Amino acid sequence: MSDAAAPLGQVIPFRIEGGAFRGRLIRADALLADILGRHAYPAAVNRLLGETILLGAGLASLLKFDGIFTLQTASQGAIRTLVTDVTSGGQVRACARFHAEALETRLASLDPERVAEAPVPHLMGPGHLAFTVDPSAAAQQRYQGLVELDGATLGDAVHAYFHQSEQLDSAVKLALAETAEGWRGGLILLQRMPEDGGRALVDAEDSWRTAVVLLSSLKDGELLDPELPAPILLNRLFHASGLMVETPRDLTFGCRCARERVDAVLASLAPEELASLTEDDGSAHVDCEYCGTRYTYTPAQLAALSKS
């Protein structure tokens, strides 16, 4: 549970080639430190959850919505679920579910380089990635898109989703590293907008290929360098492509858990289900998977809820 907090990261929107291509640059070291620091996950889980956070924040920033955007995996491997949600106001939270013993066994049997190059098939296995928008207004329809986890990385799955569902060319550059100062992460999403008939197709194709080559030339160290300001980084890449940098948007940590919501869940349980949650002294506690807040209930409070 959290109140309004100081910005922990930024999304910097930009356009190139006269607006034919749009992009997002995300720098979010402090946000990653905050969210990952709330959990005691192994490094392999932290890395994939960090990628999910960056991709979720980037994808949410491409949408016009008032509500919550959720990016979530469901798979059959050692890492079963990675989930992050981003509100239209830029509040982010995330958590993961995994089988600790299976993950340890899997990591021990594989070359670390192979895992780093293709974490999805090695640690997650078959599954899907879901993109969901839950509008604040009850009258608006919920949207969900799905794509199979067929690629080597989560970025590959996002790329496949845009190609298959949105029929838009896209490119993703993502870097994440655990340093002595903590986790650092950066992301650039580039997307080709639908043709409006104003440009020759061959020119658009050539310009898109050039933009993708420029993005691929970016080194991880540059994307992660805290001493390299975002505007300078973008100018290095796209100064010859008509770069237009727009107003940055702040990212913060935010969790929507509340005691009232936990009360409602506990009150809905059958007596035997509620009893299974209690300690030897009759008390119970519920921990939020996202922020770690613990809600503790005395025997008297549990009895009152069971009667409500």
C-alpha atoms as a PDB file:
ATOM      1  CA  MET A   1       0.000   0.000   0.000  1.00  0.00           C
ATOM      2  CA  SER A   2       1.448   3.408  -0.895  1.00  0.00           C
ATOM      3  CA  ASP A   3       0.538   7.039  -1.199  1.00  0.00           C
ATOM      4  CA  ALA A   4       1.716   9.433  -3.902  1.00  0.00           C
ATOM      5  CA  ALA A   5       5.469   9.022  -4.242  1.00  0.00           C
ATOM      6  CA  ALA A   6       8.384  10.829  -5.828  1.00  0.00           C
ATOM      7  CA  PRO A   7       9.177   9.884  -9.457  1.00  0.00           C
ATOM      8  CA  LEU A   8      11.401   6.825  -9.729  1.00  0.00           C
ATOM      9  CA  GLY A   9      11.741   6.741 -13.509  1.00  0.00           C
ATOM     10  CA  GLN A  10      10.692   8.413 -16.723  1.00  0.00           C
ATOM     11  CA  VAL A  11       9.174   7.592 -20.078  1.00  0.00           C
ATOM     12  CA  ILE A  12      10.481   9.931 -22.774  1.00  0.00           C
ATOM     13  CA  PRO A  13       8.240   9.897 -25.875  1.00  0.00           C
ATOM     14  CA  PHE A  14       9.834  10.837 -29.200  1.00  0.00           C
ATOM     15  CA  ARG A  15       9.139  10.827 -32.916  1.00  0.00           C
ATOM     16  CA  ILE A  16      11.374  10.616 -35.964  1.00  0.00           C
ATOM     17  CA  GLU A  17      10.938  10.893 -39.721  1.00  0.00           C
ATOM     18  CA  GLY A  18       8.219  13.543 -39.455  1.00  0.00           C
ATOM     19  CA  GLY A  19       6.181  11.437 -37.040  1.00  0.00           C
ATOM     20  CA  ALA A  20       6.164   8.349 -39.265  1.00  0.00           C
ATOM     21  CA  PHE A  21       7.864   6.429 -36.455  1.00  0.00           C
ATOM     22  CA  ARG A  22       7.213   6.880 -32.749  1.00  0.00           C
ATOM     23  CA  GLY A  23       9.293   5.710 -29.855  1.00  0.00           C
ATOM     24  CA  ARG A  24       9.633   5.535 -26.104  1.00  0.00           C
ATOM     25  CA  LEU A  25      12.836   5.692 -24.075  1.00  0.00           C
ATOM     26  CA  ILE A  26      12.566   4.468 -20.485  1.00  0.00           C
ATOM     27  CA  ARG A  27      15.099   5.012 -17.736  1.00  0.00           C
ATOM     28  CA  ALA A  28      13.938   3.463 -14.456  1.00  0.00           C
ATOM     29  CA  ASP A  29      16.834   2.409 -12.213  1.00  0.00           C
ATOM     30  CA  ALA A  30      15.192   3.682  -9.019  1.00  0.00           C
ATOM     31  CA  LEU A  31      11.857   2.098  -9.922  1.00  0.00           C
ATOM     32  CA  LEU A  32      13.513  -1.282 -10.465  1.00  0.00           C
ATOM     33  CA  ALA A  33      15.374  -0.928  -7.163  1.00  0.00           C
ATOM     34  CA  ASP A  34      12.141  -0.138  -5.339  1.00  0.00           C
ATOM     35  CA  ILE A  35      10.040  -2.936  -6.818  1.00  0.00           C
ATOM     36  CA  LEU A  36      12.661  -5.695  -6.905  1.00  0.00           C
ATOM     37  CA  GLY A  37      13.824  -4.696  -3.426  1.00  0.00           C
ATOM     38  CA  ARG A  38      10.386  -5.529  -2.033  1.00  0.00           C
ATOM     39  CA  HIS A  39      10.883  -9.192  -2.926  1.00  0.00           C
ATOM     40  CA  ALA A  40      13.496 -11.827  -2.144  1.00  0.00           C
ATOM     41  CA  TYR A  41      13.534 -13.327  -5.628  1.00  0.00           C
ATOM     42  CA  PRO A  42      16.544 -15.108  -7.165  1.00  0.00           C
ATOM     43  CA  ALA A  43      18.558 -13.067  -9.664  1.00  0.00           C
ATOM     44  CA  ALA A  44      17.109 -14.966 -12.644  1.00  0.00           C
ATOM     45  CA  VAL A  45      13.574 -14.057 -11.574  1.00  0.00           C
ATOM     46  CA  ASN A  46      14.569 -10.462 -10.861  1.00  0.00           C
ATOM     47  CA  ARG A  47      16.028 -10.121 -14.348  1.00  0.00           C
ATOM     48  CA  LEU A  48      12.887 -11.355 -16.103  1.00  0.00           C
ATOM     49  CA  LEU A  49      10.603  -9.371 -13.803  1.00  0.00           C
ATOM     50  CA  GLY A  50      12.708  -6.285 -14.452  1.00  0.00           C
ATOM     51  CA  GLU A  51      12.256  -6.801 -18.191  1.00  0.00           C
ATOM     52  CA  THR A  52       8.514  -7.200 -17.642  1.00  0.00           C
ATOM     53  CA  ILE A  53       8.402  -3.907 -15.706  1.00  0.00           C
ATOM     54  CA  LEU A  54      10.236  -2.010 -18.447  1.00  0.00           C
ATOM     55  CA  LEU A  55       8.151  -3.521 -21.248  1.00  0.00           C
ATOM     56  CA  GLY A  56       4.918  -2.930 -19.336  1.00  0.00           C
ATOM     57  CA  ALA A  57       5.749   0.721 -18.713  1.00  0.00           C
ATOM     58  CA  GLY A  58       6.731   1.211 -22.339  1.00  0.00           C
ATOM     59  CA  LEU A  59       3.650  -0.477 -23.765  1.00  0.00           C
ATOM     60  CA  ALA A  60       1.315   1.381 -21.400  1.00  0.00           C
ATOM     61  CA  SER A  61       2.788   4.673 -22.567  1.00  0.00           C
ATOM     62  CA  LEU A  62       1.830   3.869 -26.174  1.00  0.00           C
ATOM     63  CA  LEU A  63      -1.849   3.591 -25.247  1.00  0.00           C
ATOM     64  CA  LYS A  64      -4.533   6.165 -24.581  1.00  0.00           C
ATOM     65  CA  PHE A  65      -6.503   4.851 -21.613  1.00  0.00           C
ATOM     66  CA  ASP A  66      -7.823   5.750 -18.192  1.00  0.00           C
ATOM     67  CA  GLY A  67      -7.379   2.752 -15.941  1.00  0.00           C
ATOM     68  CA  ILE A  68      -4.848  -0.041 -15.570  1.00  0.00           C
ATOM     69  CA  PHE A  69      -2.637  -1.750 -18.141  1.00  0.00           C
ATOM     70  CA  THR A  70      -1.379  -5.212 -17.186  1.00  0.00           C
ATOM     71  CA  LEU A  71       1.367  -7.261 -18.829  1.00  0.00           C
ATOM     72  CA  GLN A  72       1.369 -10.852 -17.579  1.00  0.00           C
ATOM     73  CA  THR A  73       2.938 -14.158 -18.529  1.00  0.00           C
ATOM     74  CA  ALA A  74       1.535 -17.623 -17.849  1.00  0.00           C
ATOM     75  CA  SER A  75       3.877 -20.518 -18.565  1.00  0.00           C
ATOM     76  CA  GLN A  76       4.653 -24.107 -17.613  1.00  0.00           C
ATOM     77  CA  GLY A  77       8.341 -23.852 -16.688  1.00  0.00           C
ATOM     78  CA  ALA A  78      10.160 -23.022 -13.478  1.00  0.00           C
ATOM     79  CA  ILE A  79       9.049 -19.380 -13.671  1.00  0.00           C
ATOM     80  CA  ARG A  80       5.265 -19.587 -13.919  1.00  0.00           C
ATOM     81  CA  THR A  81       4.059 -15.984 -13.769  1.00  0.00           C
ATOM     82  CA  LEU A  82       5.512 -12.515 -14.283  1.00  0.00           C
ATOM     83  CA  VAL A  83       3.071  -9.654 -13.881  1.00  0.00           C
ATOM     84  CA  THR A  84       3.299  -5.882 -13.842  1.00  0.00           C
ATOM     85  CA  ASP A  85       0.536  -3.346 -14.014  1.00  0.00           C
ATOM     86  CA  VAL A  86       0.752   0.334 -14.829  1.00  0.00           C
ATOM     87  CA  THR A  87      -1.948   2.880 -14.145  1.00  0.00           C
ATOM     88  CA  SER A  88      -2.743   5.690 -16.555  1.00  0.00           C
ATOM     89  CA  GLY A  89      -1.098   7.968 -13.968  1.00  0.00           C
ATOM     90  CA  GLY A  90       2.215   6.096 -14.172  1.00  0.00           C
ATOM     91  CA  GLN A  91       2.061   4.034 -10.977  1.00  0.00           C
ATOM     92  CA  VAL A  92       3.786   0.667 -11.392  1.00  0.00           C
ATOM     93  CA  ARG A  93       3.866  -2.531  -9.356  1.00  0.00           C
ATOM     94  CA  ALA A  94       5.004  -6.091 -10.134  1.00  0.00           C
ATOM     95  CA  CYS A  95       5.451  -9.588  -8.754  1.00  0.00           C
ATOM     96  CA  ALA A  96       6.386 -13.103  -9.842  1.00  0.00           C
ATOM     97  CA  ARG A  97       5.504 -16.704  -9.058  1.00  0.00           C
ATOM     98  CA  PHE A  98       7.980 -19.524  -9.564  1.00  0.00           C
ATOM     99  CA  HIS A  99       8.916 -23.011  -8.429  1.00  0.00           C
ATOM    100  CA  ALA A 100      12.118 -22.455  -6.440  1.00  0.00           C
ATOM    101  CA  GLU A 101      13.429 -26.034  -6.539  1.00  0.00           C
ATOM    102  CA  ALA A 102      12.714 -26.455 -10.248  1.00  0.00           C
ATOM    103  CA  LEU A 103      14.396 -23.121 -10.988  1.00  0.00           C
ATOM    104  CA  GLU A 104      17.510 -24.043  -9.013  1.00  0.00           C
ATOM    105  CA  THR A 105      17.747 -27.410 -10.760  1.00  0.00           C
ATOM    106  CA  ARG A 106      17.242 -25.829 -14.173  1.00  0.00           C
ATOM    107  CA  LEU A 107      19.892 -23.159 -13.639  1.00  0.00           C
ATOM    108  CA  ALA A 108      22.390 -25.737 -12.376  1.00  0.00           C
ATOM    109  CA  SER A 109      21.967 -27.817 -15.540  1.00  0.00           C
ATOM    110  CA  LEU A 110      22.385 -25.015 -18.081  1.00  0.00           C
ATOM    111  CA  ASP A 111      25.196 -22.839 -19.387  1.00  0.00           C
ATOM    112  CA  PRO A 112      24.585 -19.311 -17.990  1.00  0.00           C
ATOM    113  CA  GLU A 113      25.225 -17.814 -21.433  1.00  0.00           C
ATOM    114  CA  ARG A 114      22.468 -19.947 -22.939  1.00  0.00           C
ATOM    115  CA  VAL A 115      20.066 -18.800 -20.224  1.00  0.00           C
ATOM    116  CA  ALA A 116      20.990 -15.143 -20.785  1.00  0.00           C
ATOM    117  CA  GLU A 117      20.480 -15.432 -24.544  1.00  0.00           C
ATOM    118  CA  ALA A 118      17.161 -17.321 -24.373  1.00  0.00           C
ATOM    119  CA  PRO A 119      15.576 -17.107 -20.916  1.00  0.00           C
ATOM    120  CA  VAL A 120      12.024 -17.716 -22.112  1.00  0.00           C
ATOM    121  CA  PRO A 121      12.418 -21.301 -23.431  1.00  0.00           C
ATOM    122  CA  HIS A 122      14.944 -22.283 -20.748  1.00  0.00           C
ATOM    123  CA  LEU A 123      13.227 -20.867 -17.645  1.00  0.00           C
ATOM    124  CA  MET A 124       9.593 -20.274 -18.624  1.00  0.00           C
ATOM    125  CA  GLY A 125       8.701 -22.847 -21.249  1.00  0.00           C
ATOM    126  CA  PRO A 126       5.478 -22.923 -23.275  1.00  0.00           C
ATOM    127  CA  GLY A 127       2.933 -20.289 -22.415  1.00  0.00           C
ATOM    128  CA  HIS A 128       1.567 -16.914 -23.405  1.00  0.00           C
ATOM    129  CA  LEU A 129       1.947 -13.206 -22.775  1.00  0.00           C
ATOM    130  CA  ALA A 130      -1.252 -11.255 -22.094  1.00  0.00           C
ATOM    131  CA  PHE A 131      -1.818  -7.536 -22.666  1.00  0.00           C
ATOM    132  CA  THR A 132      -4.840  -6.251 -20.727  1.00  0.00           C
ATOM    133  CA  VAL A 133      -6.459  -2.830 -20.333  1.00  0.00           C
ATOM    134  CA  ASP A 134      -9.010  -2.441 -17.534  1.00  0.00           C
ATOM    135  CA  PRO A 135     -10.763   0.918 -17.958  1.00  0.00           C
ATOM    136  CA  SER A 136     -11.727   2.950 -14.896  1.00  0.00           C
ATOM    137  CA  ALA A 137     -15.174   3.622 -16.332  1.00  0.00           C
ATOM    138  CA  ALA A 138     -17.497   0.629 -15.881  1.00  0.00           C
ATOM    139  CA  ALA A 139     -19.211   1.405 -19.192  1.00  0.00           C
ATOM    140  CA  GLN A 140     -15.995   0.924 -21.166  1.00  0.00           C
ATOM    141  CA  GLN A 141     -15.031  -2.509 -22.456  1.00  0.00           C
ATOM    142  CA  ARG A 142     -12.059  -4.446 -21.118  1.00  0.00           C
ATOM    143  CA  TYR A 143      -9.440  -5.281 -23.748  1.00  0.00           C
ATOM    144  CA  GLN A 144      -7.086  -8.265 -23.790  1.00  0.00           C
ATOM    145  CA  GLY A 145      -4.596  -9.468 -26.370  1.00  0.00           C
ATOM    146  CA  LEU A 146      -2.537 -12.684 -26.261  1.00  0.00           C
ATOM    147  CA  VAL A 147       0.611 -13.905 -27.937  1.00  0.00           C
ATOM    148  CA  GLU A 148       2.480 -17.185 -27.532  1.00  0.00           C
ATOM    149  CA  LEU A 149       5.856 -17.211 -25.779  1.00  0.00           C
ATOM    150  CA  ASP A 150       7.630 -18.572 -28.835  1.00  0.00           C
ATOM    151  CA  GLY A 151      10.731 -16.385 -28.942  1.00  0.00           C
ATOM    152  CA  ALA A 152      13.951 -16.346 -26.953  1.00  0.00           C
ATOM    153  CA  THR A 153      13.091 -13.254 -24.905  1.00  0.00           C
ATOM    154  CA  LEU A 154      10.086 -11.308 -23.667  1.00  0.00           C
ATOM    155  CA  GLY A 155      11.021  -8.592 -26.154  1.00  0.00           C
ATOM    156  CA  ASP A 156      10.592 -11.151 -28.941  1.00  0.00           C
ATOM    157  CA  ALA A 157       7.054 -11.871 -27.687  1.00  0.00           C
ATOM    158  CA  VAL A 158       6.195  -8.158 -27.696  1.00  0.00           C
ATOM    159  CA  HIS A 159       7.568  -7.833 -31.214  1.00  0.00           C
ATOM    160  CA  ALA A 160       5.464 -10.818 -32.331  1.00  0.00           C
ATOM    161  CA  TYR A 161       2.351  -9.320 -30.766  1.00  0.00           C
ATOM    162  CA  PHE A 162       2.699  -6.056 -32.683  1.00  0.00           C
ATOM    163  CA  HIS A 163       3.367  -7.922 -35.910  1.00  0.00           C
ATOM    164  CA  GLN A 164       0.505 -10.420 -35.554  1.00  0.00           C
ATOM    165  CA  SER A 165      -2.198  -8.430 -33.791  1.00  0.00           C
ATOM    166  CA  GLU A 166      -1.501  -4.788 -34.545  1.00  0.00           C
ATOM    167  CA  GLN A 167       0.177  -5.415 -37.921  1.00  0.00           C
ATOM    168  CA  LEU A 168       2.754  -2.767 -37.096  1.00  0.00           C
ATOM    169  CA  ASP A 169       6.510  -3.007 -37.487  1.00  0.00           C
ATOM    170  CA  SER A 170       8.297  -2.555 -34.174  1.00  0.00           C
ATOM    171  CA  ALA A 171      11.761  -2.805 -32.673  1.00  0.00           C
ATOM    172  CA  VAL A 172      12.790  -3.292 -29.054  1.00  0.00           C
ATOM    173  CA  LYS A 173      16.118  -2.564 -27.399  1.00  0.00           C
ATOM    174  CA  LEU A 174      16.209  -3.592 -23.744  1.00  0.00           C
ATOM    175  CA  ALA A 175      19.146  -3.670 -21.336  1.00  0.00           C
ATOM    176  CA  LEU A 176      19.211  -4.820 -17.729  1.00  0.00           C
ATOM    177  CA  ALA A 177      22.177  -5.349 -15.431  1.00  0.00           C
ATOM    178  CA  GLU A 178      22.807  -6.000 -11.764  1.00  0.00           C
ATOM    179  CA  THR A 179      25.594  -3.702 -10.594  1.00  0.00           C
ATOM    180  CA  ALA A 180      27.225  -2.920  -7.260  1.00  0.00           C
ATOM    181  CA  GLU A 181      24.716  -0.085  -6.936  1.00  0.00           C
ATOM    182  CA  GLY A 182      21.756  -2.338  -7.733  1.00  0.00           C
ATOM    183  CA  TRP A 183      19.708  -3.143 -10.812  1.00  0.00           C
ATOM    184  CA  ARG A 184      19.826  -0.795 -13.788  1.00  0.00           C
ATOM    185  CA  GLY A 185      17.452  -0.983 -16.701  1.00  0.00           C
ATOM    186  CA  GLY A 186      16.632   0.863 -19.880  1.00  0.00           C
ATOM    187  CA  LEU A 187      14.350   0.347 -22.854  1.00  0.00           C
ATOM    188  CA  ILE A 188      13.728   1.862 -26.243  1.00  0.00           C
ATOM    189  CA  LEU A 189      10.575   0.909 -28.131  1.00  0.00           C
ATOM    190  CA  LEU A 190      10.286   1.977 -31.755  1.00  0.00           C
ATOM    191  CA  GLN A 191       7.083   1.597 -33.741  1.00  0.00           C
ATOM    192  CA  ARG A 192       6.209   2.320 -37.329  1.00  0.00           C
ATOM    193  CA  MET A 193       2.908   4.138 -37.666  1.00  0.00           C
ATOM    194  CA  PRO A 194       0.324   3.156 -40.313  1.00  0.00           C
ATOM    195  CA  GLU A 195       1.012   4.633 -43.732  1.00  0.00           C
ATOM    196  CA  ASP A 196      -1.068   7.701 -44.548  1.00  0.00           C
ATOM    197  CA  GLY A 197      -0.303   7.647 -48.254  1.00  0.00           C
ATOM    198  CA  GLY A 198       1.848  10.720 -48.021  1.00  0.00           C
ATOM    199  CA  ARG A 199       5.173   8.985 -48.521  1.00  0.00           C
ATOM    200  CA  ALA A 200       6.429   6.621 -51.189  1.00  0.00           C
ATOM    201  CA  LEU A 201       6.490   3.076 -49.841  1.00  0.00           C
ATOM    202  CA  VAL A 202      10.111   2.517 -50.836  1.00  0.00           C
ATOM    203  CA  ASP A 203      11.168   5.646 -48.902  1.00  0.00           C
ATOM    204  CA  ALA A 204       9.260   4.496 -45.822  1.00  0.00           C
ATOM    205  CA  GLU A 205      10.844   1.039 -45.993  1.00  0.00           C
ATOM    206  CA  ASP A 206      14.330   2.476 -46.346  1.00  0.00           C
ATOM    207  CA  SER A 207      13.763   4.906 -43.470  1.00  0.00           C
ATOM    208  CA  TRP A 208      12.438   2.143 -41.218  1.00  0.00           C
ATOM    209  CA  ARG A 209      15.396  -0.126 -41.951  1.00  0.00           C
ATOM    210  CA  THR A 210      17.749   2.745 -41.177  1.00  0.00           C
ATOM    211  CA  ALA A 211      16.017   3.470 -37.868  1.00  0.00           C
ATOM    212  CA  VAL A 212      16.202  -0.197 -36.832  1.00  0.00           C
ATOM    213  CA  VAL A 213      19.903  -0.374 -37.741  1.00  0.00           C
ATOM    214  CA  LEU A 214      20.578   2.755 -35.689  1.00  0.00           C
ATOM    215  CA  LEU A 215      18.709   1.314 -32.720  1.00  0.00           C
ATOM    216  CA  SER A 216      20.579  -1.991 -32.965  1.00  0.00           C
ATOM    217  CA  SER A 217      23.885  -0.073 -32.888  1.00  0.00           C
ATOM    218  CA  LEU A 218      23.110   1.125 -29.359  1.00  0.00           C
ATOM    219  CA  LYS A 219      25.269  -0.644 -26.779  1.00  0.00           C
ATOM    220  CA  ASP A 220      23.790  -1.870 -23.500  1.00  0.00           C
ATOM    221  CA  GLY A 221      26.268   0.245 -21.566  1.00  0.00           C
ATOM    222  CA  GLU A 222      25.036   3.402 -23.289  1.00  0.00           C
ATOM    223  CA  LEU A 223      21.407   2.642 -22.554  1.00  0.00           C
ATOM    224  CA  LEU A 224      22.257   1.949 -18.898  1.00  0.00           C
ATOM    225  CA  ASP A 225      24.718   4.800 -18.382  1.00  0.00           C
ATOM    226  CA  PRO A 226      23.279   7.138 -15.700  1.00  0.00           C
ATOM    227  CA  GLU A 227      25.748   9.833 -16.800  1.00  0.00           C
ATOM    228  CA  LEU A 228      24.356   9.878 -20.340  1.00  0.00           C
ATOM    229  CA  PRO A 229      21.197  12.039 -20.334  1.00  0.00           C
ATOM    230  CA  ALA A 230      18.249  10.721 -22.316  1.00  0.00           C
ATOM    231  CA  PRO A 231      18.063  13.669 -24.773  1.00  0.00           C
ATOM    232  CA  ILE A 232      21.742  13.269 -25.634  1.00  0.00           C
ATOM    233  CA  LEU A 233      21.347   9.518 -26.082  1.00  0.00           C
ATOM    234  CA  LEU A 234      18.403   9.980 -28.441  1.00  0.00           C
ATOM    235  CA  ASN A 235      20.217  12.725 -30.345  1.00  0.00           C
ATOM    236  CA  ARG A 236      23.213  10.445 -30.864  1.00  0.00           C
ATOM    237  CA  LEU A 237      20.958   7.831 -32.417  1.00  0.00           C
ATOM    238  CA  PHE A 238      18.460   9.835 -34.421  1.00  0.00           C
ATOM    239  CA  HIS A 239      19.902  13.334 -34.971  1.00  0.00           C
ATOM    240  CA  ALA A 240      19.739  12.839 -38.748  1.00  0.00           C
ATOM    241  CA  SER A 241      16.171  11.487 -38.650  1.00  0.00           C
ATOM    242  CA  GLY A 242      14.263  14.598 -37.630  1.00  0.00           C
ATOM    243  CA  LEU A 243      14.181  13.744 -33.919  1.00  0.00           C
ATOM    244  CA  MET A 244      11.360  15.347 -31.929  1.00  0.00           C
ATOM    245  CA  VAL A 245      11.475  14.731 -28.159  1.00  0.00           C
ATOM    246  CA  GLU A 246       8.188  15.174 -26.294  1.00  0.00           C
ATOM    247  CA  THR A 247       7.366  15.878 -22.646  1.00  0.00           C
ATOM    248  CA  PRO A 248       8.617  13.117 -20.298  1.00  0.00           C
ATOM    249  CA  ARG A 249       6.145  11.199 -18.146  1.00  0.00           C
ATOM    250  CA  ASP A 250       7.003  10.181 -14.598  1.00  0.00           C
ATOM    251  CA  LEU A 251       6.907   6.628 -13.281  1.00  0.00           C
ATOM    252  CA  THR A 252       6.372   5.859  -9.587  1.00  0.00           C
ATOM    253  CA  PHE A 253       5.732   2.806  -7.472  1.00  0.00           C
ATOM    254  CA  GLY A 254       2.106   2.405  -6.476  1.00  0.00           C
ATOM    255  CA  CYS A 255       0.111  -0.442  -4.940  1.00  0.00           C
ATOM    256  CA  ARG A 256      -3.668  -0.508  -4.633  1.00  0.00           C
ATOM    257  CA  CYS A 257      -3.901  -3.047  -1.827  1.00  0.00           C
ATOM    258  CA  ALA A 258      -5.976  -1.970   1.199  1.00  0.00           C
ATOM    259  CA  ARG A 259      -7.226  -3.547   4.400  1.00  0.00           C
ATOM    260  CA  GLU A 260     -10.821  -3.102   3.275  1.00  0.00           C
ATOM    261  CA  ARG A 261     -10.144  -5.274   0.227  1.00  0.00           C
ATOM    262  CA  VAL A 262      -8.503  -7.975   2.333  1.00  0.00           C
ATOM    263  CA  ASP A 263     -11.459  -7.809   4.741  1.00  0.00           C
ATOM    264  CA  ALA A 264     -13.834  -8.443   1.849  1.00  0.00           C
ATOM    265  CA  VAL A 265     -11.845 -11.458   0.634  1.00  0.00           C
ATOM    266  CA  LEU A 266     -11.642 -13.024   4.092  1.00  0.00           C
ATOM    267  CA  ALA A 267     -15.339 -12.398   4.747  1.00  0.00           C
ATOM    268  CA  SER A 268     -16.193 -14.284   1.538  1.00  0.00           C
ATOM    269  CA  LEU A 269     -14.373 -17.454   2.643  1.00  0.00           C
ATOM    270  CA  ALA A 270     -16.125 -20.486   4.043  1.00  0.00           C
ATOM    271  CA  PRO A 271     -15.398 -21.139   7.753  1.00  0.00           C
ATOM    272  CA  GLU A 272     -13.107 -24.087   6.978  1.00  0.00           C
ATOM    273  CA  GLU A 273     -11.146 -22.008   4.430  1.00  0.00           C
ATOM    274  CA  LEU A 274     -10.718 -19.185   6.921  1.00  0.00           C
ATOM    275  CA  ALA A 275      -9.608 -21.653   9.610  1.00  0.00           C
ATOM    276  CA  SER A 276      -6.906 -23.007   7.288  1.00  0.00           C
ATOM    277  CA  LEU A 277      -5.256 -19.555   7.257  1.00  0.00           C
ATOM    278  CA  THR A 278      -4.950 -19.187  11.021  1.00  0.00           C
ATOM    279  CA  GLU A 279      -1.874 -19.669  13.191  1.00  0.00           C
ATOM    280  CA  ASP A 280      -1.765 -21.753  16.369  1.00  0.00           C
ATOM    281  CA  ASP A 281      -2.874 -18.748  18.432  1.00  0.00           C
ATOM    282  CA  GLY A 282      -5.916 -18.174  16.201  1.00  0.00           C
ATOM    283  CA  SER A 283      -4.523 -15.097  14.452  1.00  0.00           C
ATOM    284  CA  ALA A 284      -3.901 -14.768  10.722  1.00  0.00           C
ATOM    285  CA  HIS A 285      -1.923 -12.577   8.391  1.00  0.00           C
ATOM    286  CA  VAL A 286      -2.185 -11.798   4.692  1.00  0.00           C
ATOM    287  CA  ASP A 287       0.769 -10.439   2.706  1.00  0.00           C
ATOM    288  CA  CYS A 288       0.347  -8.368  -0.452  1.00  0.00           C
ATOM    289  CA  GLU A 289       2.266 -10.072  -3.276  1.00  0.00           C
ATOM    290  CA  TYR A 290       3.099  -6.720  -4.844  1.00  0.00           C
ATOM    291  CA  CYS A 291       4.267  -4.423  -2.067  1.00  0.00           C
ATOM    292  CA  GLY A 292       4.821  -6.776   0.858  1.00  0.00           C
ATOM    293  CA  THR A 293       2.404  -5.032   3.217  1.00  0.00           C
ATOM    294  CA  ARG A 294       1.278  -7.476   5.934  1.00  0.00           C
ATOM    295  CA  TYR A 295      -2.305  -7.343   7.192  1.00  0.00           C
ATOM    296  CA  THR A 296      -2.619  -9.021  10.598  1.00  0.00           C
ATOM    297  CA  TYR A 297      -5.923 -10.195  12.116  1.00  0.00           C
ATOM    298  CA  THR A 298      -6.634 -11.145  15.714  1.00  0.00           C
ATOM    299  CA  PRO A 299      -9.005 -14.030  16.520  1.00  0.00           C
ATOM    300  CA  ALA A 300     -11.689 -11.486  17.435  1.00  0.00           C
ATOM    301  CA  GLN A 301     -11.306  -9.674  14.102  1.00  0.00           C
ATOM    302  CA  LEU A 302     -11.539 -12.953  12.185  1.00  0.00           C
ATOM    303  CA  ALA A 303     -14.652 -13.927  14.121  1.00  0.00           C
ATOM    304  CA  ALA A 304     -16.242 -10.591  13.259  1.00  0.00           C
ATOM    305  CA  LEU A 305     -15.455 -11.041   9.573  1.00  0.00           C
ATOM    306  CA  SER A 306     -16.916 -14.550   9.504  1.00  0.00           C
ATOM    307  CA  LYS A 307     -20.202 -13.147  10.825  1.00  0.00           C
ATOM    308  CA  SER A 308     -20.352 -10.220   8.396  1.00  0.00           C
END
